[in-house]
Amino acid sequence: MQRHPKLVPLSHEHKRLLFVCRYLKTDAAPYEGFPLETQAKLEYMVKIFQEVMVPHIQKEDYLFELCRGYHTEIDIMLDELLEEHRTISGMYSALVDSPDVVRDMDTLARSLEAHIRKEERVAFEKLQELLPDVMDQINFENS
């Protein structure tokens, strides 16, 4: 199913975050122009999370609130996604005190990637299919 136009900005942000996930994995190939040192990778991740991830989660919180209360199946799915947001945010916060930053960045990257894929392949598809009128009401500028 083609992505609803109102969800396209979230999908674009997902694409940028998926690049970060690939970059942070321990088995990732080097990316030209991106540092390989752990501290530099961590700094890059912090920058992207502050610029993209924080506002992205705020947009999804708004979206999920709009979609709540129409279908039990969707409400359960949204609860799962919000719990994943909390888990991923906790993993990110824990990096500061991590005894193994490389391992924990890899774990965070893999968890975030799985979460994004779930949103793109399952959640957004269901929202578009079951709540087309709600999709038309989305206005991220006023969220």
Protein backbone atom coordinates (compact mmCIF):
# COMPACT_ATOMS: atom_id res chain seq x y z
CA MET A 1 0.00 0.00 0.00
CA GLN A 2 1.30 3.44 -0.86
CA ARG A 3 2.10 5.59 2.17
CA HIS A 4 -0.59 8.15 3.05
CA PRO A 5 0.74 11.65 2.27
CA LYS A 6 0.32 12.74 5.90
CA LEU A 7 2.61 9.88 7.03
CA VAL A 8 5.33 10.55 4.46
CA PRO A 9 7.28 12.96 6.74
CA LEU A 10 7.50 10.24 9.40
CA SER A 11 8.67 7.73 6.79
CA HIS A 12 11.38 10.15 5.65
CA GLU A 13 12.56 10.52 9.24
CA HIS A 14 12.53 6.74 9.58
CA LYS A 15 14.81 6.51 6.56
CA ARG A 16 17.31 8.88 8.16
CA LEU A 17 17.15 6.98 11.45
CA LEU A 18 17.64 3.65 9.66
CA PHE A 19 20.90 4.99 8.24
CA VAL A 20 22.02 5.79 11.80
CA CYS A 21 21.07 2.25 12.82
CA ARG A 22 23.18 0.74 10.04
CA TYR A 23 26.09 3.04 10.90
CA LEU A 24 26.07 2.15 14.61
CA LYS A 25 25.98 -1.62 14.24
CA THR A 26 29.18 -3.44 15.11
CA ASP A 27 29.14 -5.33 11.80
CA ALA A 28 28.53 -2.22 9.67
CA ALA A 29 30.80 -1.49 6.75
CA PRO A 30 32.63 1.84 7.01
CA TYR A 31 30.74 4.78 5.52
CA GLU A 32 32.79 7.30 3.59
CA GLY A 33 32.89 10.61 5.43
CA PHE A 34 31.74 9.11 8.73
CA PRO A 35 34.19 8.45 11.56
CA LEU A 36 34.89 4.97 12.86
CA GLU A 37 35.94 5.96 16.38
CA THR A 38 33.45 5.05 19.09
CA GLN A 39 33.29 8.52 20.64
CA ALA A 40 32.68 10.14 17.24
CA LYS A 41 29.92 7.63 16.48
CA LEU A 42 28.34 8.35 19.86
CA GLU A 43 28.47 12.11 19.23
CA TYR A 44 26.90 11.65 15.80
CA MET A 45 24.13 9.52 17.30
CA VAL A 46 23.44 12.11 20.02
CA LYS A 47 23.22 14.84 17.39
CA ILE A 48 20.78 12.88 15.21
CA PHE A 49 18.69 11.81 18.18
CA GLN A 50 18.36 15.41 19.33
CA GLU A 51 17.62 16.75 15.84
CA VAL A 52 15.44 13.94 14.48
CA MET A 53 14.44 11.37 17.08
CA VAL A 54 13.06 13.64 19.80
CA PRO A 55 10.74 15.62 17.46
CA HIS A 56 9.90 12.38 15.64
CA ILE A 57 8.66 10.73 18.83
CA GLN A 58 6.62 13.84 19.61
CA LYS A 59 4.95 13.58 16.18
CA GLU A 60 4.24 9.90 16.71
CA ASP A 61 2.80 10.59 20.16
CA TYR A 62 0.43 13.07 18.51
CA LEU A 63 -0.43 10.59 15.74
CA PHE A 64 -1.04 7.74 18.16
CA GLU A 65 -3.28 9.91 20.34
CA LEU A 66 -5.36 10.81 17.26
CA CYS A 67 -5.71 7.14 16.35
CA ARG A 68 -6.63 5.89 19.80
CA GLY A 69 -10.13 4.72 20.67
CA TYR A 70 -11.39 3.52 17.29
CA HIS A 71 -10.24 -0.12 17.24
CA THR A 72 -9.08 -2.33 20.11
CA GLU A 73 -6.49 -3.94 17.82
CA ILE A 74 -4.99 -0.54 17.00
CA ASP A 75 -5.01 0.56 20.65
CA ILE A 76 -3.05 -2.57 21.64
CA MET A 77 -0.57 -1.99 18.82
CA LEU A 78 -0.14 1.67 19.81
CA ASP A 79 0.50 0.66 23.43
CA GLU A 80 3.23 -1.73 22.22
CA LEU A 81 4.84 0.97 20.09
CA LEU A 82 4.78 3.49 22.94
CA GLU A 83 6.40 0.94 25.24
CA GLU A 84 9.09 0.43 22.60
CA HIS A 85 9.61 4.22 22.51
CA ARG A 86 10.20 4.17 26.27
CA THR A 87 12.56 1.21 26.02
CA ILE A 88 14.59 2.77 23.19
CA SER A 89 14.73 6.11 25.02
CA GLY A 90 15.97 4.29 28.13
CA MET A 91 18.66 2.49 26.11
CA TYR A 92 19.77 5.82 24.69
CA SER A 93 19.93 7.43 28.15
CA ALA A 94 21.88 4.47 29.54
CA LEU A 95 24.71 4.95 27.03
CA VAL A 96 26.18 7.70 29.23
CA ASP A 97 27.09 5.19 31.94
CA SER A 98 27.65 2.18 29.70
CA PRO A 99 30.71 0.03 30.39
CA ASP A 100 30.52 -1.20 26.77
CA VAL A 101 29.33 1.63 24.53
CA VAL A 102 30.05 -0.24 21.29
CA ARG A 103 27.89 -3.20 22.33
CA ASP A 104 25.12 -0.97 23.68
CA MET A 105 25.05 1.24 20.56
CA ASP A 106 24.74 -1.94 18.51
CA THR A 107 21.86 -3.16 20.71
CA LEU A 108 20.16 0.23 20.48
CA ALA A 109 20.61 0.32 16.70
CA ARG A 110 19.11 -3.15 16.25
CA SER A 111 16.17 -2.37 18.58
CA LEU A 112 15.45 0.93 16.84
CA GLU A 113 15.67 -0.69 13.42
CA ALA A 114 13.18 -3.42 14.40
CA HIS A 115 10.87 -0.77 15.86
CA ILE A 116 10.98 1.37 12.70
CA ARG A 117 10.35 -1.63 10.47
CA LYS A 118 7.34 -2.55 12.64
CA GLU A 119 5.94 0.96 12.35
CA GLU A 120 6.46 1.10 8.59
CA ARG A 121 5.37 -2.43 7.68
CA VAL A 122 2.63 -3.03 10.24
CA ALA A 123 1.47 0.06 12.13
CA PHE A 124 1.29 2.60 9.32
CA GLU A 125 -0.35 0.05 7.03
CA LYS A 126 -3.04 -0.72 9.63
CA LEU A 127 -3.63 2.94 10.41
CA GLN A 128 -4.07 3.75 6.73
CA GLU A 129 -6.33 0.78 6.16
CA LEU A 130 -8.56 1.10 9.23
CA LEU A 131 -8.48 4.86 9.93
CA PRO A 132 -8.33 6.71 6.59
CA ASP A 133 -10.46 9.60 7.92
CA VAL A 134 -8.14 10.05 10.90
CA MET A 135 -5.13 10.09 8.56
CA ASP A 136 -6.70 13.03 6.73
CA GLN A 137 -6.91 14.98 10.03
CA ILE A 138 -3.17 14.78 10.78
CA ASN A 139 -1.48 18.16 11.10
CA PHE A 140 2.04 17.83 12.48
CA GLU A 141 2.56 21.60 12.44
CA ASN A 142 -0.07 21.99 15.19
CA SER A 143 0.96 18.92 17.19
